[in-house]
């Protein structure tokens, strides 16, 4: 199937309340244009240099989501135009985003990344770390970032029951955090979980954003 056919098939499976991020990292601009011409506007990149290059090349009404591990020294390059930063995994990173946003009088939307997988290599807060940060005076000083929800990546495994347990746990924790810390916040309404191999499970467990790359574009070179 072509890129467009893959996209249309996946798009047709999306409930109205779920945003599809077409993960375009390592994909040529021509492939992104094909999806763009179908009316799609949300694309995800995980390398800052590649994202900046594509932003400068492609139409300016694209909503760019940064979905990779973001280093503090690269924040300034994407803050001017990024729509949503998915993987904020430390107070230090949040402070840097806030600092860069303040300089250009902008508020940047962010998701806080939770560590839900069994692998050690995945980034993210533990519940204790997250709540410690949310209760801190440093966090409450940040006025140029807007926390829009949580994000998590499940274990890389063929055991879909394990994946479901991880998604279910994150969805329950999201509700707890929303009630405890963001009850008055209309923007805290996103739960980003699910990728090409498990997005249908994620949607069943109340994900509002799924990140799908290889199922649309094919395997990356």
N, C-alpha and C. Protein backbone atom coordinates (compact mmCIF):
# COMPACT_ATOMS: atom_id res chain seq x y z
N UNK A 1 0.85 -1.21 0.00
CA UNK A 1 0.00 0.00 0.00
C UNK A 1 0.87 1.25 0.00
N UNK A 2 0.34 2.32 -0.55
CA UNK A 2 1.09 3.58 -0.59
C UNK A 2 1.01 4.29 0.76
N UNK A 3 1.85 5.29 0.92
CA UNK A 3 1.84 6.10 2.14
C UNK A 3 0.44 6.69 2.37
N UNK A 4 -0.16 7.21 1.31
CA UNK A 4 -1.49 7.83 1.44
C UNK A 4 -2.54 6.78 1.83
N UNK A 5 -2.47 5.60 1.23
CA UNK A 5 -3.43 4.54 1.57
C UNK A 5 -3.27 4.10 3.03
N UNK A 6 -2.01 3.93 3.45
CA UNK A 6 -1.75 3.60 4.87
C UNK A 6 -2.36 4.65 5.79
N UNK A 7 -2.09 5.91 5.45
CA UNK A 7 -2.58 7.02 6.27
C UNK A 7 -4.10 7.01 6.35
N UNK A 8 -4.75 6.89 5.19
CA UNK A 8 -6.23 6.93 5.16
C UNK A 8 -6.83 5.79 5.97
N UNK A 9 -6.20 4.62 5.90
CA UNK A 9 -6.71 3.47 6.64
C UNK A 9 -6.61 3.71 8.16
N UNK A 10 -5.47 4.23 8.59
CA UNK A 10 -5.27 4.48 10.03
C UNK A 10 -6.17 5.63 10.50
N UNK A 11 -6.22 6.68 9.69
CA UNK A 11 -7.05 7.85 10.04
C UNK A 11 -8.51 7.43 10.23
N UNK A 12 -8.97 6.50 9.39
CA UNK A 12 -10.38 6.07 9.46
C UNK A 12 -10.68 5.31 10.76
N UNK A 13 -9.63 4.81 11.43
CA UNK A 13 -9.83 4.06 12.68
C UNK A 13 -9.80 4.97 13.91
N UNK A 14 -9.50 6.25 13.71
CA UNK A 14 -9.31 7.15 14.86
C UNK A 14 -10.65 7.68 15.36
N UNK A 15 -10.95 7.50 16.64
CA UNK A 15 -12.12 8.18 17.22
C UNK A 15 -11.95 9.70 17.12
N UNK A 16 -13.03 10.41 17.15
CA UNK A 16 -13.00 11.87 16.97
C UNK A 16 -12.16 12.58 18.04
N UNK A 17 -12.05 11.98 19.22
CA UNK A 17 -11.34 12.66 20.32
C UNK A 17 -9.86 12.32 20.37
N UNK A 18 -9.36 11.56 19.39
CA UNK A 18 -7.95 11.15 19.40
C UNK A 18 -7.19 11.85 18.29
N UNK A 19 -6.07 12.48 18.66
CA UNK A 19 -5.21 13.14 17.67
C UNK A 19 -4.18 12.15 17.14
N UNK A 20 -4.03 12.13 15.83
CA UNK A 20 -3.02 11.29 15.20
C UNK A 20 -1.80 12.13 14.87
N UNK A 21 -0.67 11.79 15.50
CA UNK A 21 0.61 12.43 15.15
C UNK A 21 1.29 11.52 14.12
N UNK A 22 1.45 12.01 12.90
CA UNK A 22 2.17 11.26 11.88
C UNK A 22 3.67 11.46 12.14
N UNK A 23 4.32 10.39 12.59
CA UNK A 23 5.73 10.49 12.99
C UNK A 23 6.60 10.45 11.73
N UNK A 24 7.14 11.60 11.40
CA UNK A 24 7.82 11.77 10.11
C UNK A 24 9.34 11.79 10.23
N UNK A 25 9.87 11.43 11.40
CA UNK A 25 11.34 11.46 11.58
C UNK A 25 11.99 10.52 10.57
N UNK A 26 13.10 10.99 10.02
CA UNK A 26 13.88 10.27 9.00
C UNK A 26 13.14 10.09 7.68
N UNK A 27 11.96 10.68 7.56
CA UNK A 27 11.21 10.57 6.30
C UNK A 27 11.49 11.79 5.43
N UNK A 28 11.49 11.59 4.10
CA UNK A 28 11.73 12.73 3.21
C UNK A 28 10.56 13.72 3.23
N UNK A 29 10.88 14.95 2.92
CA UNK A 29 9.86 16.00 2.84
C UNK A 29 8.74 15.61 1.87
N UNK A 30 9.09 14.91 0.79
CA UNK A 30 8.09 14.51 -0.21
C UNK A 30 7.00 13.63 0.40
N UNK A 31 7.39 12.73 1.32
CA UNK A 31 6.39 11.86 1.97
C UNK A 31 5.48 12.65 2.91
N UNK A 32 6.07 13.63 3.59
CA UNK A 32 5.26 14.49 4.47
C UNK A 32 4.25 15.27 3.64
N UNK A 33 4.70 15.78 2.50
CA UNK A 33 3.79 16.54 1.62
C UNK A 33 2.59 15.69 1.17
N UNK A 34 2.84 14.41 0.91
CA UNK A 34 1.75 13.51 0.49
C UNK A 34 0.64 13.47 1.54
N UNK A 35 1.05 13.36 2.80
CA UNK A 35 0.07 13.31 3.90
C UNK A 35 -0.55 14.70 4.12
N UNK A 36 0.29 15.70 4.02
CA UNK A 36 -0.19 17.09 4.16
C UNK A 36 -1.31 17.37 3.14
N UNK A 37 -1.11 16.88 1.93
CA UNK A 37 -2.10 17.13 0.88
C UNK A 37 -3.42 16.40 1.11
N UNK A 38 -3.42 15.44 2.05
CA UNK A 38 -4.67 14.79 2.45
C UNK A 38 -5.38 15.59 3.54
N UNK A 39 -4.80 16.74 3.91
CA UNK A 39 -5.42 17.60 4.92
C UNK A 39 -4.87 17.42 6.32
N UNK A 40 -3.86 16.53 6.46
CA UNK A 40 -3.32 16.28 7.80
C UNK A 40 -2.31 17.36 8.17
N UNK A 41 -2.31 17.76 9.45
CA UNK A 41 -1.46 18.88 9.87
C UNK A 41 -0.58 18.59 11.08
N UNK A 42 -0.71 17.40 11.69
CA UNK A 42 0.08 17.13 12.90
C UNK A 42 1.18 16.11 12.58
N UNK A 43 2.43 16.58 12.71
CA UNK A 43 3.57 15.71 12.43
C UNK A 43 4.53 15.71 13.61
N UNK A 44 5.19 14.58 13.83
CA UNK A 44 6.09 14.43 14.97
C UNK A 44 7.52 14.17 14.54
N UNK A 45 8.45 14.86 15.17
CA UNK A 45 9.88 14.68 14.90
C UNK A 45 10.61 14.49 16.23
N UNK A 46 11.76 13.79 16.16
CA UNK A 46 12.48 13.50 17.40
C UNK A 46 13.92 14.01 17.39
N UNK A 47 14.35 14.64 16.30
CA UNK A 47 15.69 15.22 16.24
C UNK A 47 15.55 16.72 15.94
N UNK A 48 16.16 17.54 16.77
CA UNK A 48 15.97 18.99 16.67
C UNK A 48 16.41 19.52 15.30
N UNK A 49 17.59 19.11 14.86
CA UNK A 49 18.11 19.64 13.59
C UNK A 49 17.19 19.29 12.42
N UNK A 50 16.71 18.06 12.43
CA UNK A 50 15.81 17.60 11.36
C UNK A 50 14.48 18.37 11.43
N UNK A 51 13.97 18.55 12.63
CA UNK A 51 12.72 19.29 12.80
C UNK A 51 12.85 20.72 12.28
N UNK A 52 13.92 21.40 12.65
CA UNK A 52 14.12 22.79 12.22
C UNK A 52 14.20 22.86 10.69
N UNK A 53 14.92 21.94 10.09
CA UNK A 53 15.07 21.91 8.64
C UNK A 53 13.72 21.71 7.96
N UNK A 54 12.91 20.80 8.47
CA UNK A 54 11.60 20.53 7.87
C UNK A 54 10.64 21.70 8.10
N UNK A 55 10.72 22.29 9.28
CA UNK A 55 9.89 23.46 9.57
C UNK A 55 10.17 24.58 8.55
N UNK A 56 11.44 24.76 8.22
CA UNK A 56 11.82 25.83 7.30
C UNK A 56 11.43 25.52 5.85
N UNK A 57 11.24 24.24 5.54
CA UNK A 57 10.98 23.81 4.17
C UNK A 57 9.48 23.67 3.86
N UNK A 58 8.73 23.24 4.86
CA UNK A 58 7.33 22.85 4.64
C UNK A 58 6.36 23.98 5.01
N UNK A 59 5.08 23.85 4.62
CA UNK A 59 4.10 24.91 4.90
C UNK A 59 4.02 25.26 6.39
N UNK A 60 3.75 26.53 6.67
CA UNK A 60 3.83 27.01 8.05
C UNK A 60 2.56 26.78 8.87
N UNK A 61 1.57 26.08 8.29
CA UNK A 61 0.39 25.75 9.12
C UNK A 61 0.48 24.33 9.69
N UNK A 62 1.65 23.70 9.57
CA UNK A 62 1.83 22.38 10.19
C UNK A 62 2.00 22.56 11.71
N UNK A 63 1.36 21.66 12.46
CA UNK A 63 1.55 21.60 13.91
C UNK A 63 2.66 20.59 14.19
N UNK A 64 3.83 21.10 14.55
CA UNK A 64 4.96 20.22 14.81
C UNK A 64 4.99 19.79 16.27
N UNK A 65 5.01 18.48 16.50
CA UNK A 65 5.15 17.93 17.84
C UNK A 65 6.57 17.39 17.98
N UNK A 66 7.26 17.77 19.06
CA UNK A 66 8.58 17.19 19.31
C UNK A 66 8.39 15.99 20.22
N UNK A 67 8.77 14.81 19.73
CA UNK A 67 8.44 13.57 20.45
C UNK A 67 9.67 12.83 20.97
N UNK A 68 10.87 13.38 20.73
CA UNK A 68 12.09 12.70 21.16
C UNK A 68 12.54 13.16 22.54
N UNK A 69 13.73 12.69 22.89
CA UNK A 69 14.36 13.12 24.15
C UNK A 69 15.03 14.46 23.87
N UNK A 70 14.57 15.51 24.53
CA UNK A 70 15.03 16.87 24.24
C UNK A 70 16.15 17.27 25.20
N UNK A 71 17.28 17.67 24.63
CA UNK A 71 18.40 18.17 25.44
C UNK A 71 18.21 19.66 25.70
N UNK A 72 18.59 20.10 26.89
CA UNK A 72 18.35 21.51 27.25
C UNK A 72 19.03 22.48 26.30
N UNK A 73 20.21 22.12 25.79
CA UNK A 73 20.94 23.05 24.91
C UNK A 73 20.32 23.18 23.52
N UNK A 74 19.31 22.34 23.22
CA UNK A 74 18.65 22.41 21.90
C UNK A 74 17.26 23.07 21.97
N UNK A 75 16.82 23.36 23.18
CA UNK A 75 15.45 23.86 23.37
C UNK A 75 15.21 25.13 22.57
N UNK A 76 16.17 26.04 22.60
CA UNK A 76 15.96 27.37 21.99
C UNK A 76 15.66 27.30 20.50
N UNK A 77 16.09 26.22 19.84
CA UNK A 77 15.89 26.13 18.39
C UNK A 77 14.44 25.81 18.01
N UNK A 78 13.71 25.15 18.91
CA UNK A 78 12.35 24.73 18.54
C UNK A 78 11.24 25.53 19.23
N UNK A 79 11.58 26.20 20.33
CA UNK A 79 10.55 26.94 21.09
C UNK A 79 9.77 27.95 20.23
N UNK A 80 10.40 28.64 19.28
CA UNK A 80 9.64 29.63 18.52
C UNK A 80 8.46 29.07 17.73
N UNK A 81 8.51 27.79 17.36
CA UNK A 81 7.45 27.30 16.47
C UNK A 81 6.78 25.99 16.89
N UNK A 82 7.33 25.28 17.86
CA UNK A 82 6.79 23.96 18.18
C UNK A 82 5.39 24.07 18.78
N UNK A 83 4.50 23.14 18.43
CA UNK A 83 3.12 23.14 18.94
C UNK A 83 3.02 22.44 20.29
N UNK A 84 3.73 21.31 20.41
CA UNK A 84 3.66 20.53 21.65
C UNK A 84 4.96 19.76 21.83
N UNK A 85 5.52 19.81 23.04
CA UNK A 85 6.70 19.02 23.39
C UNK A 85 6.23 17.84 24.25
N UNK A 86 6.43 16.63 23.74
CA UNK A 86 5.85 15.45 24.38
C UNK A 86 6.63 14.95 25.59
N UNK A 87 7.95 14.96 25.50
CA UNK A 87 8.71 14.16 26.46
C UNK A 87 9.44 14.95 27.53
N UNK A 88 8.75 15.83 28.24
CA UNK A 88 9.43 16.62 29.28
C UNK A 88 9.62 15.73 30.50
N UNK A 89 10.88 15.45 30.83
CA UNK A 89 11.16 14.43 31.86
C UNK A 89 11.98 14.96 33.03
N UNK A 90 12.11 16.30 33.15
CA UNK A 90 12.82 16.85 34.30
C UNK A 90 12.41 18.30 34.53
N UNK A 91 12.56 18.74 35.77
CA UNK A 91 12.31 20.15 36.08
C UNK A 91 13.29 21.04 35.32
N UNK A 92 14.54 20.58 35.21
CA UNK A 92 15.56 21.38 34.53
C UNK A 92 15.16 21.66 33.07
N UNK A 93 14.64 20.66 32.40
CA UNK A 93 14.21 20.84 31.01
C UNK A 93 13.03 21.80 30.95
N UNK A 94 12.10 21.65 31.86
CA UNK A 94 10.94 22.54 31.90
C UNK A 94 11.37 23.99 32.15
N UNK A 95 12.34 24.18 33.02
CA UNK A 95 12.84 25.53 33.31
C UNK A 95 13.50 26.14 32.07
N UNK A 96 14.22 25.32 31.31
CA UNK A 96 14.88 25.82 30.10
C UNK A 96 13.84 26.20 29.04
N UNK A 97 12.81 25.38 28.89
CA UNK A 97 11.73 25.70 27.94
C UNK A 97 11.07 27.01 28.36
N UNK A 98 10.81 27.15 29.66
CA UNK A 98 10.19 28.36 30.19
C UNK A 98 11.06 29.59 29.91
N UNK A 99 12.36 29.45 30.13
CA UNK A 99 13.30 30.57 29.93
C UNK A 99 13.32 31.01 28.47
N UNK A 100 13.39 30.04 27.55
CA UNK A 100 13.42 30.36 26.12
C UNK A 100 12.09 30.95 25.66
N UNK A 101 11.00 30.46 26.22
CA UNK A 101 9.67 30.96 25.85
C UNK A 101 9.46 32.39 26.36
N UNK A 102 9.96 32.65 27.56
CA UNK A 102 9.84 33.98 28.16
C UNK A 102 10.53 35.04 27.28
N UNK A 103 11.68 34.67 26.72
CA UNK A 103 12.44 35.61 25.88
C UNK A 103 11.66 36.08 24.67
N UNK A 104 10.77 35.22 24.16
CA UNK A 104 10.00 35.62 22.96
C UNK A 104 8.51 35.81 23.30
N UNK A 105 8.23 35.94 24.60
CA UNK A 105 6.87 36.22 25.05
C UNK A 105 5.86 35.20 24.53
N UNK A 106 6.20 33.94 24.75
CA UNK A 106 5.36 32.85 24.25
C UNK A 106 5.08 31.87 25.38
N UNK A 107 4.00 31.13 25.29
CA UNK A 107 3.73 30.02 26.21
C UNK A 107 3.82 28.72 25.41
N UNK A 108 4.60 27.77 25.92
CA UNK A 108 4.82 26.52 25.19
C UNK A 108 4.06 25.38 25.86
N UNK A 109 3.30 24.65 25.07
CA UNK A 109 2.54 23.50 25.57
C UNK A 109 3.46 22.29 25.72
N UNK A 110 3.35 21.60 26.86
CA UNK A 110 4.23 20.47 27.17
C UNK A 110 3.43 19.33 27.77
N UNK A 111 3.92 18.12 27.56
CA UNK A 111 3.44 16.94 28.26
C UNK A 111 4.55 16.43 29.17
N UNK A 112 4.19 15.96 30.35
CA UNK A 112 5.16 15.41 31.29
C UNK A 112 5.27 13.91 31.05
N UNK A 113 6.49 13.44 30.84
CA UNK A 113 6.70 12.04 30.50
C UNK A 113 6.86 11.19 31.75
N UNK A 114 6.03 10.16 31.83
CA UNK A 114 6.10 9.20 32.93
C UNK A 114 6.85 7.95 32.49
N UNK A 115 7.63 7.39 33.39
CA UNK A 115 8.33 6.14 33.11
C UNK A 115 7.39 5.00 33.45
N UNK A 116 6.85 4.34 32.41
CA UNK A 116 5.89 3.25 32.67
C UNK A 116 6.41 1.90 32.19
N UNK A 117 7.50 1.90 31.41
CA UNK A 117 8.01 0.65 30.83
C UNK A 117 8.90 -0.09 31.82
N UNK A 118 9.14 -1.36 31.51
CA UNK A 118 10.02 -2.15 32.37
C UNK A 118 11.49 -1.93 32.03
N UNK A 119 11.77 -1.43 30.82
CA UNK A 119 13.18 -1.18 30.47
C UNK A 119 13.72 0.01 31.25
N UNK A 120 14.98 -0.07 31.57
CA UNK A 120 15.65 1.03 32.27
C UNK A 120 15.94 2.20 31.33
N UNK A 121 16.01 1.92 30.04
CA UNK A 121 16.48 2.95 29.10
C UNK A 121 15.45 4.04 28.82
N UNK A 122 14.18 3.75 29.06
CA UNK A 122 13.16 4.75 28.78
C UNK A 122 13.26 5.92 29.78
N UNK A 123 13.01 7.11 29.30
CA UNK A 123 13.07 8.29 30.16
C UNK A 123 11.72 8.49 30.85
N UNK A 124 11.71 9.37 31.84
CA UNK A 124 10.43 9.75 32.43
C UNK A 124 10.49 9.85 33.94
N UNK A 125 9.48 10.54 34.49
CA UNK A 125 9.34 10.69 35.94
C UNK A 125 8.77 9.41 36.54
N UNK A 126 9.15 9.13 37.77
CA UNK A 126 8.37 8.20 38.59
C UNK A 126 7.25 9.03 39.23
N UNK A 127 6.18 8.39 39.73
CA UNK A 127 5.12 9.16 40.40
C UNK A 127 5.66 10.04 41.53
N UNK A 128 6.62 9.52 42.30
CA UNK A 128 7.16 10.29 43.43
C UNK A 128 7.89 11.54 42.92
N UNK A 129 8.69 11.35 41.87
CA UNK A 129 9.44 12.48 41.31
C UNK A 129 8.49 13.54 40.74
N UNK A 130 7.45 13.07 40.05
CA UNK A 130 6.52 14.01 39.43
C UNK A 130 5.82 14.84 40.50
N UNK A 131 5.32 14.20 41.53
CA UNK A 131 4.55 14.92 42.55
C UNK A 131 5.45 15.85 43.36
N UNK A 132 6.69 15.42 43.57
CA UNK A 132 7.64 16.31 44.24
C UNK A 132 7.84 17.59 43.42
N UNK A 133 7.97 17.43 42.10
CA UNK A 133 8.14 18.60 41.24
C UNK A 133 6.87 19.48 41.24
N UNK A 134 5.71 18.86 41.11
CA UNK A 134 4.46 19.63 41.04
C UNK A 134 4.20 20.41 42.33
N UNK A 135 4.75 19.91 43.43
CA UNK A 135 4.57 20.59 44.71
C UNK A 135 5.63 21.65 44.98
N UNK A 136 6.64 21.72 44.11
CA UNK A 136 7.78 22.59 44.39
C UNK A 136 7.51 24.05 44.02
N UNK A 137 8.17 24.94 44.73
CA UNK A 137 8.03 26.37 44.41
C UNK A 137 8.65 26.67 43.05
N UNK A 138 9.71 25.93 42.68
CA UNK A 138 10.35 26.16 41.37
C UNK A 138 9.36 25.91 40.24
N UNK A 139 8.61 24.84 40.36
CA UNK A 139 7.62 24.53 39.32
C UNK A 139 6.56 25.62 39.24
N UNK A 140 6.11 26.05 40.38
CA UNK A 140 5.01 27.01 40.40
C UNK A 140 5.40 28.41 39.93
N UNK A 141 6.70 28.64 39.78
CA UNK A 141 7.17 29.92 39.23
C UNK A 141 7.12 29.96 37.70
N UNK A 142 6.96 28.81 37.08
CA UNK A 142 7.05 28.74 35.61
C UNK A 142 5.76 29.24 34.97
N UNK A 143 5.84 30.38 34.30
CA UNK A 143 4.64 31.00 33.74
C UNK A 143 4.56 30.89 32.22
N UNK A 144 5.63 30.41 31.57
CA UNK A 144 5.64 30.36 30.11
C UNK A 144 5.62 28.94 29.55
N UNK A 145 5.28 28.00 30.42
CA UNK A 145 4.99 26.65 29.96
C UNK A 145 3.58 26.29 30.42
N UNK A 146 2.91 25.53 29.60
CA UNK A 146 1.54 25.11 29.94
C UNK A 146 1.53 23.58 29.91
N UNK A 147 1.25 22.97 31.05
CA UNK A 147 1.23 21.52 31.14
C UNK A 147 -0.12 21.03 30.65
N UNK A 148 -0.09 20.25 29.55
CA UNK A 148 -1.34 19.84 28.89
C UNK A 148 -1.70 18.39 29.15
N UNK A 149 -0.84 17.67 29.88
CA UNK A 149 -1.16 16.27 30.17
C UNK A 149 0.09 15.45 30.39
N UNK A 150 -0.09 14.14 30.28
CA UNK A 150 1.00 13.19 30.51
C UNK A 150 1.27 12.37 29.24
N UNK A 151 2.48 11.80 29.20
CA UNK A 151 2.88 10.96 28.09
C UNK A 151 3.65 9.77 28.63
N UNK A 152 3.54 8.63 27.97
CA UNK A 152 4.32 7.47 28.39
C UNK A 152 4.51 6.50 27.25
N UNK A 153 5.62 5.76 27.31
CA UNK A 153 5.93 4.74 26.30
C UNK A 153 5.96 3.38 26.97
N UNK A 154 5.19 2.46 26.43
CA UNK A 154 5.10 1.12 27.02
C UNK A 154 6.37 0.32 26.75
N UNK A 155 6.52 -0.78 27.46
CA UNK A 155 7.65 -1.68 27.24
C UNK A 155 7.67 -2.17 25.79
N UNK A 156 8.89 -2.36 25.29
CA UNK A 156 9.06 -2.88 23.93
C UNK A 156 8.97 -4.40 24.00
N UNK A 157 7.77 -4.91 23.80
CA UNK A 157 7.53 -6.34 24.02
C UNK A 157 6.38 -6.81 23.13
N UNK A 158 6.36 -8.11 22.85
CA UNK A 158 5.23 -8.69 22.11
C UNK A 158 4.08 -9.04 23.05
N UNK A 159 4.31 -8.91 24.35
CA UNK A 159 3.28 -9.25 25.34
C UNK A 159 2.30 -8.09 25.47
N UNK A 160 1.22 -8.17 24.71
CA UNK A 160 0.26 -7.06 24.66
C UNK A 160 -0.50 -6.90 25.98
N UNK A 161 -0.55 -7.94 26.77
CA UNK A 161 -1.21 -7.82 28.08
C UNK A 161 -0.37 -6.92 28.99
N UNK A 162 0.95 -7.08 28.90
CA UNK A 162 1.86 -6.21 29.66
C UNK A 162 1.68 -4.75 29.23
N UNK A 163 1.62 -4.55 27.92
CA UNK A 163 1.43 -3.19 27.38
C UNK A 163 0.12 -2.60 27.87
N UNK A 164 -0.93 -3.41 27.84
CA UNK A 164 -2.25 -2.91 28.30
C UNK A 164 -2.20 -2.51 29.77
N UNK A 165 -1.55 -3.32 30.58
CA UNK A 165 -1.43 -3.01 32.01
C UNK A 165 -0.72 -1.66 32.20
N UNK A 166 0.35 -1.43 31.42
CA UNK A 166 1.10 -0.17 31.54
C UNK A 166 0.25 1.02 31.10
N UNK A 167 -0.48 0.87 30.00
CA UNK A 167 -1.36 1.95 29.53
C UNK A 167 -2.47 2.23 30.55
N UNK A 168 -3.07 1.16 31.06
CA UNK A 168 -4.16 1.31 32.03
C UNK A 168 -3.67 2.04 33.28
N UNK A 169 -2.47 1.66 33.73
CA UNK A 169 -1.89 2.30 34.91
C UNK A 169 -1.64 3.78 34.70
N UNK A 170 -1.14 4.13 33.51
CA UNK A 170 -0.88 5.54 33.21
C UNK A 170 -2.19 6.32 33.11
N UNK A 171 -3.20 5.72 32.52
CA UNK A 171 -4.50 6.39 32.39
C UNK A 171 -5.11 6.67 33.77
N UNK A 172 -4.96 5.72 34.69
CA UNK A 172 -5.47 5.92 36.05
C UNK A 172 -4.68 7.01 36.76
N UNK A 173 -3.36 7.00 36.56
CA UNK A 173 -2.51 8.01 37.20
C UNK A 173 -2.80 9.40 36.64
N UNK A 174 -3.05 9.46 35.34
CA UNK A 174 -3.41 10.74 34.70
C UNK A 174 -4.66 11.34 35.38
N UNK A 175 -5.65 10.50 35.62
CA UNK A 175 -6.89 10.99 36.28
C UNK A 175 -6.58 11.51 37.68
N UNK A 176 -5.72 10.79 38.39
CA UNK A 176 -5.34 11.19 39.75
C UNK A 176 -4.65 12.55 39.73
N UNK A 177 -3.69 12.72 38.82
CA UNK A 177 -2.94 13.98 38.74
C UNK A 177 -3.84 15.12 38.31
N UNK A 178 -4.72 14.84 37.37
CA UNK A 178 -5.67 15.87 36.90
C UNK A 178 -6.52 16.37 38.07
N UNK A 179 -7.03 15.43 38.86
CA UNK A 179 -7.89 15.78 39.99
C UNK A 179 -7.10 16.52 41.08
N UNK A 180 -5.89 16.05 41.36
CA UNK A 180 -5.11 16.59 42.48
C UNK A 180 -4.42 17.91 42.18
N UNK A 181 -3.98 18.09 40.93
CA UNK A 181 -3.14 19.25 40.62
C UNK A 181 -3.69 20.17 39.53
N UNK A 182 -4.55 19.64 38.66
CA UNK A 182 -4.96 20.43 37.50
C UNK A 182 -6.49 20.50 37.35
N UNK A 183 -7.19 20.35 38.46
CA UNK A 183 -8.66 20.31 38.39
C UNK A 183 -9.24 21.58 37.78
N UNK A 184 -8.58 22.73 38.04
CA UNK A 184 -9.08 24.01 37.52
C UNK A 184 -8.49 24.36 36.15
N UNK A 185 -7.68 23.45 35.62
CA UNK A 185 -6.91 23.76 34.41
C UNK A 185 -7.57 23.13 33.18
N UNK A 186 -8.16 23.96 32.34
CA UNK A 186 -8.88 23.43 31.16
C UNK A 186 -7.92 22.85 30.12
N UNK A 187 -6.63 23.19 30.21
CA UNK A 187 -5.67 22.73 29.20
C UNK A 187 -5.14 21.33 29.49
N UNK A 188 -5.24 20.89 30.74
CA UNK A 188 -4.70 19.58 31.11
C UNK A 188 -5.71 18.51 30.69
N UNK A 189 -5.62 18.08 29.43
CA UNK A 189 -6.61 17.13 28.93
C UNK A 189 -6.04 16.13 27.93
N UNK A 190 -4.70 16.01 27.86
CA UNK A 190 -4.09 15.09 26.89
C UNK A 190 -3.37 13.95 27.58
N UNK A 191 -3.53 12.77 27.01
CA UNK A 191 -2.80 11.59 27.46
C UNK A 191 -2.20 10.95 26.21
N UNK A 192 -0.88 11.11 26.05
CA UNK A 192 -0.20 10.65 24.84
C UNK A 192 0.42 9.29 25.10
N UNK A 193 -0.16 8.26 24.50
CA UNK A 193 0.43 6.92 24.59
C UNK A 193 -0.05 6.11 23.40
N UNK A 194 0.83 5.24 22.93
CA UNK A 194 0.51 4.41 21.77
C UNK A 194 1.30 4.81 20.55
N UNK A 195 1.93 3.79 19.91
CA UNK A 195 2.69 4.00 18.69
C UNK A 195 2.22 2.96 17.67
N UNK A 196 2.98 2.80 16.57
CA UNK A 196 2.52 1.94 15.48
C UNK A 196 2.07 0.55 15.96
N UNK A 197 2.85 -0.05 16.86
CA UNK A 197 2.55 -1.43 17.27
C UNK A 197 1.44 -1.59 18.28
N UNK A 198 1.05 -0.49 18.95
CA UNK A 198 0.11 -0.66 20.06
C UNK A 198 -0.91 0.48 20.18
N UNK A 199 -1.06 1.28 19.12
CA UNK A 199 -1.94 2.46 19.27
C UNK A 199 -3.40 2.07 19.48
N UNK A 200 -3.83 0.92 18.91
CA UNK A 200 -5.24 0.54 19.10
C UNK A 200 -5.52 0.21 20.58
N UNK A 201 -4.57 -0.49 21.19
CA UNK A 201 -4.67 -0.77 22.63
C UNK A 201 -4.71 0.53 23.42
N UNK A 202 -3.83 1.47 23.05
CA UNK A 202 -3.74 2.74 23.76
C UNK A 202 -5.07 3.50 23.69
N UNK A 203 -5.69 3.47 22.52
CA UNK A 203 -6.99 4.16 22.35
C UNK A 203 -8.04 3.50 23.25
N UNK A 204 -8.01 2.18 23.32
CA UNK A 204 -8.95 1.47 24.21
C UNK A 204 -8.76 1.88 25.67
N UNK A 205 -7.52 2.27 26.02
CA UNK A 205 -7.21 2.66 27.40
C UNK A 205 -7.21 4.18 27.58
N UNK A 206 -7.91 4.89 26.69
CA UNK A 206 -8.19 6.33 26.85
C UNK A 206 -7.08 7.27 26.42
N UNK A 207 -6.17 6.81 25.57
CA UNK A 207 -5.20 7.74 24.99
C UNK A 207 -5.92 8.80 24.16
N UNK A 208 -5.41 10.04 24.19
CA UNK A 208 -5.98 11.10 23.35
C UNK A 208 -5.04 11.51 22.21
N UNK A 209 -3.79 11.03 22.27
CA UNK A 209 -2.81 11.31 21.21
C UNK A 209 -2.04 10.02 20.94
N UNK A 210 -2.01 9.59 19.67
CA UNK A 210 -1.18 8.44 19.30
C UNK A 210 -0.13 8.89 18.29
N UNK A 211 1.05 8.26 18.36
CA UNK A 211 2.18 8.64 17.51
C UNK A 211 2.47 7.47 16.57
N UNK A 212 2.12 7.64 15.31
CA UNK A 212 2.23 6.53 14.36
C UNK A 212 3.16 6.90 13.22
N UNK A 213 4.23 6.12 13.06
CA UNK A 213 5.21 6.40 12.02
C UNK A 213 5.29 5.31 10.98
N UNK A 214 5.88 4.15 11.36
CA UNK A 214 6.14 3.10 10.37
C UNK A 214 4.87 2.53 9.75
N UNK A 215 3.76 2.53 10.47
CA UNK A 215 2.51 2.01 9.90
C UNK A 215 1.95 2.94 8.81
N UNK A 216 2.41 4.19 8.81
CA UNK A 216 2.02 5.12 7.74
C UNK A 216 3.08 5.16 6.65
N UNK A 217 4.32 5.43 7.05
CA UNK A 217 5.38 5.71 6.09
C UNK A 217 6.16 4.47 5.66
N UNK A 218 5.94 3.32 6.34
CA UNK A 218 6.78 2.16 6.10
C UNK A 218 7.99 2.22 7.02
N UNK A 219 8.75 1.14 7.03
CA UNK A 219 9.94 1.09 7.89
C UNK A 219 10.94 2.14 7.46
N UNK A 220 11.58 2.76 8.46
CA UNK A 220 12.57 3.81 8.17
C UNK A 220 13.85 3.20 7.63
N UNK A 221 14.50 3.96 6.76
CA UNK A 221 15.81 3.52 6.24
C UNK A 221 16.88 3.74 7.30
